[in-house]
Amino acid sequence: MTGHNAPDCTPPNATGRTPHWRVPVVGGLPADQRLLGGSRELAETVVSALLERVPVYRRLPREQLAGELTRDTERRIRALAHAVRTGLPASAEEFAAVRESAARRAEEGLPLDAVLLAHHLGLEVCWEFATRYARDGDTADLLVLNRLLLDQLRQAATAAGAGFLEGRRPAADRRGAARRSLLGALLAGTSYDEAADRAGLRLPAGYAVLCLSVADHPDEHAPGVDQGIAARRKLHRFEAELDHRTRQSALTALTPTGGVVLIPFGPSPGPDKEDTGEDDTDEDDTDEPPWPLLAAALAAAARAAGAPVLVGAASAGPADVPAAAALAYEVLDVARAFGRPPGLHRLDDVLLEYQLTRPSQARSRLAALLEPLAGAGELLITLHTHLAGGLNRRHTASALHLHPNTVDYRLRRIAALTGLDPSRPADVPRITAAIAARTAEQSSLSG
């Protein structure tokens, strides 16, 4: 194309623009300013048009549409405005972001034609917005602007196609078959030295063995949202934050509902670092994992996922990982059965409940102490709530939306039926043990 507005192929000068470049002017306003001035509104318009004309995008969670997708679109509009202002293509980082976004769409199960159509539609909306006030004398500028948009579309479609193909590879493959093999060998208690060599990892002093239960994200139950996409996004956010917090050292086998994580501690070469024979004296030589740090990392990952995560934890050397995994699962099961809050729980945190849930004659007899309340569900709920709230009747009344006098009445009924008085300090340990035993008995029957 020739003419006074035609881009020059000369390399850009110190100002960051192609020499002799003149920004296309449409309707009396430079096109880049028009795009930048309405970038947020324009991004929302693009997303609205996408939902209307590419129905498969309606399966995405609302937080994704209003958050990630709108932010990505606005960033693309700003990159387009930069190209219009300078006559230069968008940066390599911009198209790397396009590849990453397309890879995520592939992981979420969207088809390639929908992903490519989204880019076409976005540029179409931008063109209509930028040329809305075009005048008769703007023909040359419109041709230049059209050429820029088509060039942007070509590069974006190429990047999106490449990213989509990358995203079609299972996530587990990208994390490395050798690491999966090592995790499997450690959990099975089979020979793991060869698997560690293939993964380029030197075995640490020990592992924090974590069994996770991940709750649903609200989007997994939102009307019209694809539950699978919402679940995978939740898991992706959790794993990404955990990777960041643990320096990608964790071995994971996770699904959207939970799984197993092994985090190394003690002297080790770090994530994916080959054994070079160098001394690792800067590493802490400790017999226990840094539990507070791990609890904080898991809490941060749960916040990123937007879903509560309950964790049973134990630690062991590599040879004892199977036993530690079994214990961590038991701790998780006890914490879940007794309504423990989300977060990391170790055996020390549930000692009484754990011991009382082991089958024995004593457990059955303890559980039987509360049998008189079996037909009075409101009394059992009141008893659970009262104990959990530190025996504070006002807290119990508030938690159950009752008058304090009603709570007093129910506590007296419990004492009359069972002979155990929650207001008598000497009876409280026995009541606590009876509740733990009854919960375990019911769990074993339902299991």
Protein backbone atom coordinates (compact mmCIF):
# COMPACT_ATOMS: atom_id res chain seq x y z
CA MET A 1 0.00 0.00 0.00
CA THR A 2 1.29 3.46 -0.84
CA GLY A 3 0.27 6.93 0.21
CA HIS A 4 1.09 9.50 2.85
CA ASN A 5 -0.15 7.23 5.64
CA ALA A 6 1.60 4.03 4.52
CA PRO A 7 3.83 2.52 7.22
CA ASP A 8 7.57 2.72 6.62
CA CYS A 9 9.53 -0.54 6.84
CA THR A 10 12.53 1.31 8.31
CA PRO A 11 13.44 0.15 11.84
CA PRO A 12 11.92 2.22 14.65
CA ASN A 13 13.86 5.22 15.91
CA ALA A 14 14.59 6.32 19.49
CA THR A 15 11.05 7.58 19.98
CA GLY A 16 9.73 4.03 19.64
CA ARG A 17 7.91 4.78 16.38
CA THR A 18 8.47 3.76 12.81
CA PRO A 19 10.06 6.76 11.05
CA HIS A 20 7.58 8.88 9.04
CA TRP A 21 4.69 7.12 10.74
CA ARG A 22 1.52 9.18 11.12
CA VAL A 23 -1.21 7.91 13.40
CA PRO A 24 -4.45 7.23 11.48
CA VAL A 25 -7.07 9.86 12.27
CA VAL A 26 -10.73 8.87 12.13
CA GLY A 27 -13.53 11.34 12.73
CA GLY A 28 -11.05 14.03 13.75
CA LEU A 29 -9.48 11.95 16.56
CA PRO A 30 -6.35 9.78 16.41
CA ALA A 31 -7.52 6.19 16.33
CA ASP A 32 -5.25 5.11 19.20
CA GLN A 33 -6.79 7.74 21.49
CA ARG A 34 -10.28 6.62 20.58
CA LEU A 35 -9.39 3.01 21.44
CA LEU A 36 -7.64 3.91 24.70
CA GLY A 37 -10.35 6.30 25.80
CA GLY A 38 -13.00 3.61 25.65
CA SER A 39 -10.86 0.55 26.43
CA ARG A 40 -12.80 -0.64 29.48
CA GLU A 41 -16.21 -0.07 27.91
CA LEU A 42 -14.97 -1.62 24.69
CA ALA A 43 -13.65 -4.71 26.50
CA GLU A 44 -17.04 -5.25 28.14
CA THR A 45 -18.72 -4.83 24.76
CA VAL A 46 -16.42 -7.45 23.22
CA VAL A 47 -17.20 -9.93 26.01
CA SER A 48 -20.95 -9.27 25.65
CA ALA A 49 -20.74 -9.84 21.90
CA LEU A 50 -18.73 -13.00 22.52
CA LEU A 51 -21.42 -14.43 24.77
CA GLU A 52 -24.11 -13.55 22.26
CA ARG A 53 -22.41 -14.85 19.13
CA VAL A 54 -20.22 -17.69 20.44
CA PRO A 55 -22.57 -19.54 22.83
CA VAL A 56 -19.92 -21.98 24.06
CA TYR A 57 -18.35 -19.13 26.06
CA ARG A 58 -21.50 -19.00 28.20
CA ARG A 59 -20.26 -22.17 29.88
CA LEU A 60 -17.44 -20.23 31.52
CA PRO A 61 -17.87 -19.14 35.17
CA ARG A 62 -19.08 -15.60 35.75
CA GLU A 63 -15.97 -14.67 37.71
CA GLN A 64 -13.91 -15.67 34.69
CA LEU A 65 -15.99 -13.61 32.27
CA ALA A 66 -16.01 -10.50 34.45
CA GLY A 67 -12.43 -10.99 35.58
CA GLU A 68 -9.84 -12.80 33.50
CA LEU A 69 -11.59 -12.58 30.13
CA THR A 70 -12.46 -8.89 30.44
CA ARG A 71 -8.95 -8.02 31.68
CA ASP A 72 -7.34 -9.98 28.84
CA THR A 73 -9.56 -8.24 26.31
CA GLU A 74 -8.75 -4.80 27.70
CA ARG A 75 -5.03 -5.61 27.57
CA ARG A 76 -5.38 -6.66 23.94
CA ILE A 77 -7.16 -3.37 23.13
CA ARG A 78 -4.33 -1.40 24.73
CA ALA A 79 -1.79 -3.42 22.73
CA LEU A 80 -3.77 -2.64 19.58
CA ALA A 81 -3.78 1.07 20.45
CA HIS A 82 -0.01 0.91 20.89
CA ALA A 83 0.37 -0.61 17.42
CA VAL A 84 -1.85 2.10 15.96
CA ARG A 85 0.14 4.83 17.70
CA THR A 86 3.61 3.52 16.71
CA GLY A 87 3.05 1.53 13.53
CA LEU A 88 4.83 -1.37 15.27
CA PRO A 89 3.45 -4.84 16.02
CA ALA A 90 2.54 -5.75 19.56
CA SER A 91 5.31 -7.08 21.77
CA ALA A 92 6.33 -10.72 21.97
CA GLU A 93 5.06 -10.73 25.58
CA GLU A 94 1.59 -9.78 24.35
CA PHE A 95 1.38 -12.71 21.98
CA ALA A 96 2.85 -15.01 24.65
CA ALA A 97 -0.12 -13.99 26.79
CA VAL A 98 -2.43 -14.83 23.87
CA ARG A 99 -0.85 -18.30 23.66
CA GLU A 100 -1.28 -18.87 27.40
CA SER A 101 -4.91 -17.76 27.28
CA ALA A 102 -5.66 -20.10 24.36
CA ALA A 103 -3.96 -22.97 26.23
CA ARG A 104 -6.30 -22.38 29.17
CA ARG A 105 -9.33 -22.41 26.87
CA ALA A 106 -8.14 -25.76 25.51
CA GLU A 107 -7.77 -27.15 29.03
CA GLU A 108 -11.31 -25.95 29.76
CA GLY A 109 -12.65 -27.92 26.81
CA LEU A 110 -13.55 -25.09 24.43
CA PRO A 111 -13.19 -25.92 20.71
CA LEU A 112 -10.49 -24.31 18.57
CA ASP A 113 -12.96 -22.68 16.18
CA ALA A 114 -14.59 -20.83 19.09
CA VAL A 115 -11.22 -19.57 20.37
CA LEU A 116 -10.20 -18.29 16.92
CA LEU A 117 -13.63 -16.79 16.31
CA ALA A 118 -13.29 -14.87 19.57
CA HIS A 119 -10.22 -13.07 18.20
CA HIS A 120 -11.98 -12.27 14.92
CA LEU A 121 -15.01 -10.99 16.79
CA GLY A 122 -12.90 -8.84 19.12
CA LEU A 123 -11.15 -7.10 16.21
CA GLU A 124 -14.49 -6.68 14.45
CA VAL A 125 -15.97 -4.88 17.47
CA CYS A 126 -12.83 -2.71 17.78
CA TRP A 127 -13.06 -1.78 14.10
CA GLU A 128 -16.71 -0.78 14.43
CA PHE A 129 -15.92 1.26 17.54
CA ALA A 130 -12.91 3.06 16.03
CA THR A 131 -14.66 3.89 12.75
CA ARG A 132 -18.06 4.84 14.17
CA TYR A 133 -17.49 8.54 13.45
CA ALA A 134 -15.53 8.23 10.19
CA ARG A 135 -15.81 11.09 7.69
CA ASP A 136 -15.69 11.13 3.93
CA GLY A 137 -12.05 12.27 3.93
CA ASP A 138 -10.83 9.48 6.21
CA THR A 139 -10.51 6.81 3.51
CA ALA A 140 -6.69 6.64 3.49
CA ASP A 141 -6.54 6.52 7.28
CA LEU A 142 -9.19 3.81 7.37
CA LEU A 143 -7.16 1.69 4.97
CA VAL A 144 -4.08 2.02 7.18
CA LEU A 145 -6.11 1.17 10.27
CA ASN A 146 -7.65 -1.82 8.54
CA ARG A 147 -4.21 -3.10 7.56
CA LEU A 148 -2.99 -2.78 11.17
CA LEU A 149 -5.99 -4.63 12.54
CA LEU A 150 -5.61 -7.44 10.02
CA ASP A 151 -1.91 -7.76 10.91
CA GLN A 152 -2.79 -7.94 14.60
CA LEU A 153 -5.44 -10.56 13.85
CA ARG A 154 -2.99 -12.67 11.85
CA GLN A 155 -0.44 -12.72 14.66
CA ALA A 156 -3.06 -13.28 17.37
CA ALA A 157 -4.65 -16.18 15.47
CA THR A 158 -1.23 -17.78 14.96
CA ALA A 159 -0.38 -17.44 18.65
CA ALA A 160 -3.80 -18.68 19.74
CA GLY A 161 -3.58 -21.72 17.50
CA ALA A 162 -0.15 -22.64 18.86
CA GLY A 163 -1.28 -22.11 22.44
CA PHE A 164 -4.42 -24.17 21.92
CA LEU A 165 -2.42 -27.14 20.66
CA GLU A 166 -0.13 -26.85 23.67
CA GLY A 167 -3.12 -26.74 26.00
CA ARG A 168 -4.53 -29.92 24.50
CA ARG A 169 -1.66 -31.85 26.06
CA PRO A 170 -2.74 -33.25 29.43
CA ALA A 171 -1.51 -31.12 32.32
CA ALA A 172 0.06 -34.17 33.91
CA ASP A 173 2.25 -34.67 30.84
CA ARG A 174 3.58 -31.14 31.12
CA ARG A 175 4.53 -31.67 34.75
CA GLY A 176 6.58 -34.65 33.73
CA ALA A 177 6.00 -38.37 33.58
CA ALA A 178 9.11 -38.92 35.69
CA ARG A 179 7.68 -36.92 38.61
CA ARG A 180 4.42 -38.87 38.41
CA SER A 181 6.39 -42.10 38.42
CA LEU A 182 8.34 -40.98 41.50
CA LEU A 183 5.15 -40.04 43.35
CA GLY A 184 3.58 -43.39 42.49
CA ALA A 185 6.64 -45.30 43.67
CA LEU A 186 6.80 -43.40 46.96
CA LEU A 187 3.11 -43.97 47.70
CA ALA A 188 3.31 -47.65 46.76
CA GLY A 189 6.46 -48.26 48.76
CA THR A 190 8.25 -49.72 45.74
CA SER A 191 11.75 -48.93 44.53
CA TYR A 192 11.92 -45.18 44.01
CA ASP A 193 15.63 -44.48 43.49
CA GLU A 194 15.47 -45.03 39.74
CA ALA A 195 12.34 -42.90 39.45
CA ALA A 196 14.07 -40.10 41.36
CA ASP A 197 17.05 -40.29 38.99
CA ARG A 198 14.76 -40.05 35.95
CA ALA A 199 13.09 -37.00 37.49
CA GLY A 200 16.47 -35.38 38.13
CA LEU A 201 15.69 -35.18 41.84
CA ARG A 202 17.69 -36.20 44.86
CA LEU A 203 15.46 -37.62 47.56
CA PRO A 204 15.07 -35.31 50.57
CA ALA A 205 15.33 -36.18 54.24
CA GLY A 206 11.58 -36.54 54.37
CA TYR A 207 8.21 -35.53 53.02
CA ALA A 208 5.23 -33.72 54.46
CA VAL A 209 2.47 -36.07 53.32
CA LEU A 210 -0.83 -34.25 52.83
CA CYS A 211 -4.25 -35.71 52.07
CA LEU A 212 -6.61 -33.01 50.81
CA SER A 213 -10.36 -32.62 50.59
CA VAL A 214 -11.27 -29.66 48.35
CA ALA A 215 -14.76 -28.22 48.57
CA ASP A 216 -16.72 -26.98 45.56
CA HIS A 217 -16.34 -23.45 44.27
CA PRO A 218 -19.68 -21.58 44.06
CA ASP A 219 -19.33 -21.49 40.27
CA GLU A 220 -19.58 -25.28 40.20
CA HIS A 221 -23.25 -24.92 41.14
CA ALA A 222 -24.07 -21.70 39.29
CA PRO A 223 -26.91 -22.06 36.74
CA GLY A 224 -25.68 -22.26 33.16
CA VAL A 225 -22.01 -22.63 34.09
CA ASP A 226 -20.12 -25.70 32.94
CA GLN A 227 -19.31 -27.50 36.19
CA GLY A 228 -16.23 -29.18 34.72
CA ILE A 229 -14.69 -25.88 33.59
CA ALA A 230 -15.33 -24.25 36.95
CA ALA A 231 -13.81 -27.24 38.77
CA ARG A 232 -10.72 -27.32 36.57
CA ARG A 233 -10.18 -23.57 36.99
CA LYS A 234 -10.41 -23.99 40.75
CA LEU A 235 -7.83 -26.78 40.67
CA HIS A 236 -5.55 -24.80 38.33
CA ARG A 237 -5.55 -21.81 40.70
CA PHE A 238 -4.86 -24.03 43.70
CA GLU A 239 -1.96 -25.85 42.04
CA ALA A 240 -0.44 -22.66 40.66
CA GLU A 241 -0.39 -20.99 44.08
CA LEU A 242 0.91 -24.12 45.79
CA ASP A 243 3.66 -24.41 43.17
CA HIS A 244 4.61 -20.80 43.82
CA ARG A 245 4.64 -21.24 47.59
CA THR A 246 6.65 -24.47 47.53
CA ARG A 247 9.02 -23.42 44.72
CA GLN A 248 7.53 -26.12 42.48
CA SER A 249 8.97 -28.82 44.73
CA ALA A 250 5.67 -30.57 45.51
CA LEU A 251 4.72 -33.92 44.00
CA THR A 252 0.96 -33.84 43.45
CA ALA A 253 -1.86 -36.15 42.46
CA LEU A 254 -4.92 -33.91 42.65
CA THR A 255 -8.43 -33.77 41.25
CA PRO A 256 -10.99 -30.99 41.80
CA THR A 257 -12.20 -32.81 44.93
CA GLY A 258 -8.80 -33.50 46.52
CA GLY A 259 -5.91 -35.92 46.47
CA VAL A 260 -2.37 -36.33 47.77
CA VAL A 261 0.55 -33.91 47.93
CA LEU A 262 4.12 -34.68 48.97
CA ILE A 263 6.29 -31.71 49.91
CA PRO A 264 9.99 -32.38 50.58
CA PHE A 265 11.81 -31.00 53.61
CA GLY A 266 15.34 -31.18 54.87
CA PRO A 267 18.48 -31.27 52.70
CA SER A 268 17.58 -31.54 49.01
CA PRO A 269 18.63 -29.89 45.76
CA GLY A 270 15.29 -28.19 45.16
CA PRO A 271 12.76 -28.55 42.33
CA ASP A 272 13.88 -30.25 39.14
CA LYS A 273 17.52 -29.67 40.04
CA GLU A 274 19.93 -32.33 39.03
CA ASP A 275 22.31 -33.79 41.59
CA THR A 276 25.59 -32.05 40.80
CA GLY A 277 27.42 -33.25 43.87
CA GLU A 278 27.47 -29.76 45.36
CA ASP A 279 27.16 -29.35 49.10
CA ASP A 280 23.72 -28.21 50.26
CA THR A 281 24.73 -26.97 53.69
CA ASP A 282 22.38 -23.97 53.41
CA GLU A 283 19.39 -26.28 53.71
CA ASP A 284 17.82 -26.82 57.12
CA ASP A 285 18.53 -30.27 58.52
CA THR A 286 15.36 -30.93 60.52
CA ASP A 287 13.34 -33.95 61.54
CA GLU A 288 10.01 -32.19 60.95
CA PRO A 289 8.56 -30.15 58.10
CA PRO A 290 8.00 -26.41 58.67
CA TRP A 291 4.34 -26.96 59.56
CA PRO A 292 3.39 -23.27 60.07
CA LEU A 293 4.80 -22.37 56.67
CA LEU A 294 3.03 -25.29 55.01
CA ALA A 295 -0.24 -24.35 56.71
CA ALA A 296 0.15 -20.79 55.41
CA ALA A 297 0.94 -22.06 51.89
CA LEU A 298 -2.14 -24.27 51.86
CA ALA A 299 -4.32 -21.44 53.17
CA ALA A 300 -3.04 -19.16 50.39
CA ALA A 301 -3.67 -21.86 47.77
CA ALA A 302 -7.21 -22.35 49.11
CA ARG A 303 -7.86 -18.61 48.87
CA ALA A 304 -6.60 -18.62 45.30
CA ALA A 305 -8.89 -21.54 44.49
CA GLY A 306 -11.85 -19.81 46.12
CA ALA A 307 -12.81 -23.00 47.97
CA PRO A 308 -12.21 -24.35 51.48
CA VAL A 309 -9.56 -27.08 51.72
CA LEU A 310 -9.34 -29.55 54.62
CA VAL A 311 -5.97 -31.28 55.01
CA GLY A 312 -4.78 -34.28 57.00
CA ALA A 313 -1.01 -34.26 57.43
CA ALA A 314 1.83 -36.51 58.54
CA SER A 315 5.55 -36.69 57.86
CA ALA A 316 7.97 -39.48 57.05
CA GLY A 317 11.19 -40.38 55.31
CA PRO A 318 10.87 -41.63 51.73
CA ALA A 319 10.68 -45.29 52.78
CA ASP A 320 7.78 -44.63 55.17
CA VAL A 321 5.59 -42.51 52.88
CA PRO A 322 2.88 -45.24 52.50
CA ALA A 323 2.30 -45.42 56.27
CA ALA A 324 2.34 -41.62 56.55
CA ALA A 325 -0.20 -41.35 53.74
CA ALA A 326 -2.50 -43.81 55.51
CA LEU A 327 -2.21 -41.81 58.75
CA ALA A 328 -2.77 -38.49 56.96
CA TYR A 329 -5.94 -39.88 55.40
CA GLU A 330 -7.18 -41.07 58.80
CA VAL A 331 -6.50 -37.64 60.28
CA LEU A 332 -8.40 -36.05 57.38
CA ASP A 333 -11.29 -38.45 57.92
CA VAL A 334 -11.45 -37.63 61.64
CA ALA A 335 -11.20 -33.87 61.02
CA ARG A 336 -14.00 -34.09 58.47
CA ALA A 337 -16.22 -36.23 60.70
CA PHE A 338 -15.88 -33.84 63.63
CA GLY A 339 -16.43 -30.67 61.63
CA ARG A 340 -12.93 -29.28 62.05
CA PRO A 341 -12.40 -25.98 60.18
CA PRO A 342 -10.56 -25.87 56.84
CA GLY A 343 -6.80 -25.93 57.04
CA LEU A 344 -4.01 -28.28 58.00
CA HIS A 345 -4.58 -30.84 60.78
CA ARG A 346 -2.06 -33.27 62.24
CA LEU A 347 -2.54 -36.19 64.60
CA ASP A 348 -1.66 -33.97 67.58
CA ASP A 349 -4.59 -31.73 66.65
CA VAL A 350 -7.16 -34.55 66.83
CA LEU A 351 -5.64 -36.92 69.38
CA LEU A 352 -8.78 -37.42 71.47
CA GLU A 353 -11.09 -37.78 68.49
CA TYR A 354 -8.64 -40.10 66.75
CA GLN A 355 -8.29 -42.39 69.74
CA LEU A 356 -12.03 -42.49 70.37
CA THR A 357 -12.74 -43.39 66.76
CA ARG A 358 -10.67 -46.60 66.98
CA PRO A 359 -13.02 -49.62 67.32
CA SER A 360 -13.32 -50.96 70.87
CA GLN A 361 -15.89 -51.93 73.48
CA ALA A 362 -15.27 -48.62 75.21
CA ARG A 363 -16.17 -46.70 72.07
CA SER A 364 -19.51 -48.47 71.70
CA ARG A 365 -20.39 -47.91 75.36
CA LEU A 366 -19.44 -44.24 75.18
CA ALA A 367 -21.59 -43.78 72.08
CA ALA A 368 -24.50 -45.44 73.86
CA LEU A 369 -24.49 -42.68 76.50
CA LEU A 370 -26.14 -40.36 73.95
CA GLU A 371 -28.59 -42.92 72.63
CA PRO A 372 -31.50 -41.30 74.59
CA LEU A 373 -31.06 -38.26 72.32
CA ALA A 374 -31.27 -40.28 69.07
CA GLY A 375 -34.87 -39.23 68.44
CA ALA A 376 -34.34 -35.60 69.41
CA GLY A 377 -32.17 -34.12 66.68
CA GLU A 378 -32.51 -30.58 68.00
CA LEU A 379 -31.00 -31.65 71.33
CA LEU A 380 -27.97 -33.25 69.65
CA ILE A 381 -27.43 -30.16 67.51
CA THR A 382 -27.67 -27.96 70.58
CA LEU A 383 -25.16 -30.15 72.44
CA HIS A 384 -22.67 -30.09 69.54
CA THR A 385 -23.00 -26.32 69.14
CA HIS A 386 -22.72 -25.67 72.87
CA LEU A 387 -19.50 -27.63 73.18
CA ALA A 388 -18.00 -26.11 70.01
CA GLY A 389 -18.80 -22.63 71.33
CA GLY A 390 -16.96 -23.09 74.61
CA LEU A 391 -20.10 -23.78 76.68
CA ASN A 392 -21.28 -20.18 76.20
CA ARG A 393 -25.09 -20.20 76.22
CA ARG A 394 -25.34 -16.82 74.46
CA HIS A 395 -23.02 -18.02 71.70
CA THR A 396 -25.10 -21.19 71.37
CA ALA A 397 -28.32 -19.17 71.24
CA SER A 398 -26.89 -16.85 68.57
CA ALA A 399 -25.51 -19.72 66.47
CA LEU A 400 -28.86 -21.55 66.52
CA HIS A 401 -31.02 -18.39 66.34
CA LEU A 402 -32.67 -19.27 69.65
CA HIS A 403 -33.52 -17.38 72.83
CA PRO A 404 -31.02 -18.12 75.63
CA ASN A 405 -33.87 -19.46 77.75
CA THR A 406 -34.59 -22.03 75.04
CA VAL A 407 -30.96 -23.12 75.17
CA ASP A 408 -31.22 -23.52 78.96
CA TYR A 409 -34.34 -25.63 78.54
CA ARG A 410 -32.67 -27.91 76.00
CA LEU A 411 -29.57 -28.35 78.17
CA ARG A 412 -31.78 -29.36 81.09
CA ARG A 413 -33.57 -31.88 78.85
CA ILE A 414 -30.22 -33.35 77.79
CA ALA A 415 -29.21 -33.75 81.43
CA ALA A 416 -32.53 -35.37 82.31
CA LEU A 417 -32.39 -37.86 79.42
CA THR A 418 -28.71 -38.85 79.61
CA GLY A 419 -27.64 -38.10 83.16
CA LEU A 420 -24.84 -35.95 81.69
CA ASP A 421 -25.12 -32.25 82.52
CA PRO A 422 -23.30 -29.90 80.09
CA SER A 423 -23.27 -27.22 82.78
CA ARG A 424 -21.34 -29.46 85.19
CA PRO A 425 -17.55 -29.27 84.48
CA ALA A 426 -16.98 -32.86 85.62
CA ASP A 427 -19.39 -34.16 82.92
CA VAL A 428 -17.92 -32.20 80.01
CA PRO A 429 -15.00 -34.58 79.17
CA ARG A 430 -17.40 -37.54 79.25
CA ILE A 431 -19.86 -35.74 76.97
CA THR A 432 -17.04 -34.80 74.57
CA ALA A 433 -15.85 -38.41 74.46
CA ALA A 434 -19.41 -39.67 73.94
CA ILE A 435 -19.93 -37.31 70.99
CA ALA A 436 -16.62 -38.43 69.42
CA ALA A 437 -17.50 -42.10 69.89
CA ARG A 438 -21.02 -41.64 68.52
CA THR A 439 -19.70 -39.80 65.45
CA ALA A 440 -17.24 -42.64 64.80
CA GLU A 441 -19.93 -45.30 65.25
CA GLN A 442 -22.22 -43.57 62.78
CA SER A 443 -19.36 -43.08 60.33
CA SER A 444 -18.47 -46.78 60.45
CA LEU A 445 -22.11 -47.76 59.88
CA SER A 446 -22.51 -45.41 56.91
CA GLY A 447 -19.17 -46.51 55.47
